[in-house]
């Protein structure tokens, strides 16, 4: 899905009181859209949770993204820290 579309939808959901977080593989596009909460991941397009068949890494990415839901200093852009 397009980074811009996701960011715009996030903004609308946040306006209704629903906290959101997204994963981004493109810092440049993300900075332009400024969605509320984003975890910037160092993976290629199409693989926001990392390489296939690596459930430990995928779980780590998901749990780290959930941690952003508590952030109130928006927009919040965090880099994924594996390990």
Protein backbone atom coordinates (compact mmCIF):
# COMPACT_ATOMS: atom_id res chain seq x y z
CA UNK A 1 0.00 0.00 0.00
CA UNK A 2 1.18 3.52 -0.72
CA UNK A 3 3.00 5.31 2.10
CA UNK A 4 1.01 8.47 1.40
CA UNK A 5 -2.35 6.70 1.54
CA UNK A 6 -1.51 4.96 4.80
CA UNK A 7 -0.36 8.24 6.36
CA UNK A 8 -3.53 10.06 5.35
CA UNK A 9 -5.76 7.26 6.67
CA UNK A 10 -3.78 7.26 9.93
CA UNK A 11 -4.42 10.96 10.36
CA UNK A 12 -8.16 10.49 9.89
CA UNK A 13 -8.29 7.61 12.37
CA UNK A 14 -6.29 9.57 14.94
CA UNK A 15 -8.73 12.47 14.58
CA UNK A 16 -11.49 10.12 15.75
CA UNK A 17 -9.49 9.00 18.77
CA UNK A 18 -8.11 5.74 17.41
CA UNK A 19 -4.35 5.39 17.97
CA UNK A 20 -2.46 4.09 14.95
CA UNK A 21 1.05 3.02 14.03
CA UNK A 22 2.51 2.11 10.66
CA UNK A 23 5.70 0.57 9.36
CA UNK A 24 7.68 2.41 6.71
CA UNK A 25 10.52 1.35 4.46
CA UNK A 26 10.95 4.84 2.98
CA UNK A 27 12.06 7.62 5.29
CA UNK A 28 11.85 10.22 2.52
CA UNK A 29 8.18 9.53 1.73
CA UNK A 30 7.29 9.22 5.39
CA UNK A 31 8.79 12.59 6.29
CA UNK A 32 6.72 14.25 3.53
CA UNK A 33 3.41 12.76 4.75
CA UNK A 34 4.14 13.06 8.51
CA UNK A 35 1.83 10.30 9.76
CA UNK A 36 1.18 10.21 13.52
CA UNK A 37 3.31 7.20 14.57
CA UNK A 38 5.76 5.36 12.36
CA UNK A 39 8.37 2.70 12.84
CA UNK A 40 11.00 3.10 10.10
CA UNK A 41 12.34 -0.34 9.20
CA UNK A 42 15.52 -1.12 7.22
CA UNK A 43 13.93 -3.70 4.95
CA UNK A 44 13.16 -3.66 1.20
CA UNK A 45 9.81 -2.61 -0.25
CA UNK A 46 7.26 -5.37 0.20
CA UNK A 47 8.91 -6.73 3.36
CA UNK A 48 8.00 -4.35 6.21
CA UNK A 49 8.36 -7.16 8.76
CA UNK A 50 11.72 -8.34 7.45
CA UNK A 51 12.67 -11.47 5.59
CA UNK A 52 10.13 -14.29 5.15
CA UNK A 53 10.23 -17.26 7.50
CA UNK A 54 11.86 -15.31 10.34
CA UNK A 55 9.10 -15.24 12.97
CA UNK A 56 11.44 -14.04 15.74
CA UNK A 57 12.39 -10.92 13.77
CA UNK A 58 8.80 -10.34 12.69
CA UNK A 59 7.59 -10.57 16.28
CA UNK A 60 10.27 -8.09 17.35
CA UNK A 61 9.18 -5.61 14.68
CA UNK A 62 5.51 -5.92 15.69
CA UNK A 63 6.21 -5.53 19.41
CA UNK A 64 8.40 -2.50 18.81
CA UNK A 65 5.70 -0.91 16.66
CA UNK A 66 3.11 -1.51 19.40
CA UNK A 67 5.36 0.43 21.77
CA UNK A 68 4.77 3.52 19.65
CA UNK A 69 1.04 3.46 20.42
CA UNK A 70 1.74 5.08 23.79
CA UNK A 71 3.50 8.08 22.22
CA UNK A 72 1.72 11.41 22.46
CA UNK A 73 4.51 13.60 21.07
CA UNK A 74 3.28 13.41 17.51
CA UNK A 75 4.36 12.92 14.84
CA UNK A 76 6.62 10.20 16.22
CA UNK A 77 9.16 8.60 13.88
CA UNK A 78 11.30 5.85 15.36
CA UNK A 79 13.94 3.67 13.78
CA UNK A 80 13.72 -0.07 14.26
CA UNK A 81 16.39 -1.30 16.68
CA UNK A 82 16.98 -5.00 16.19
CA UNK A 83 18.70 -6.51 19.18
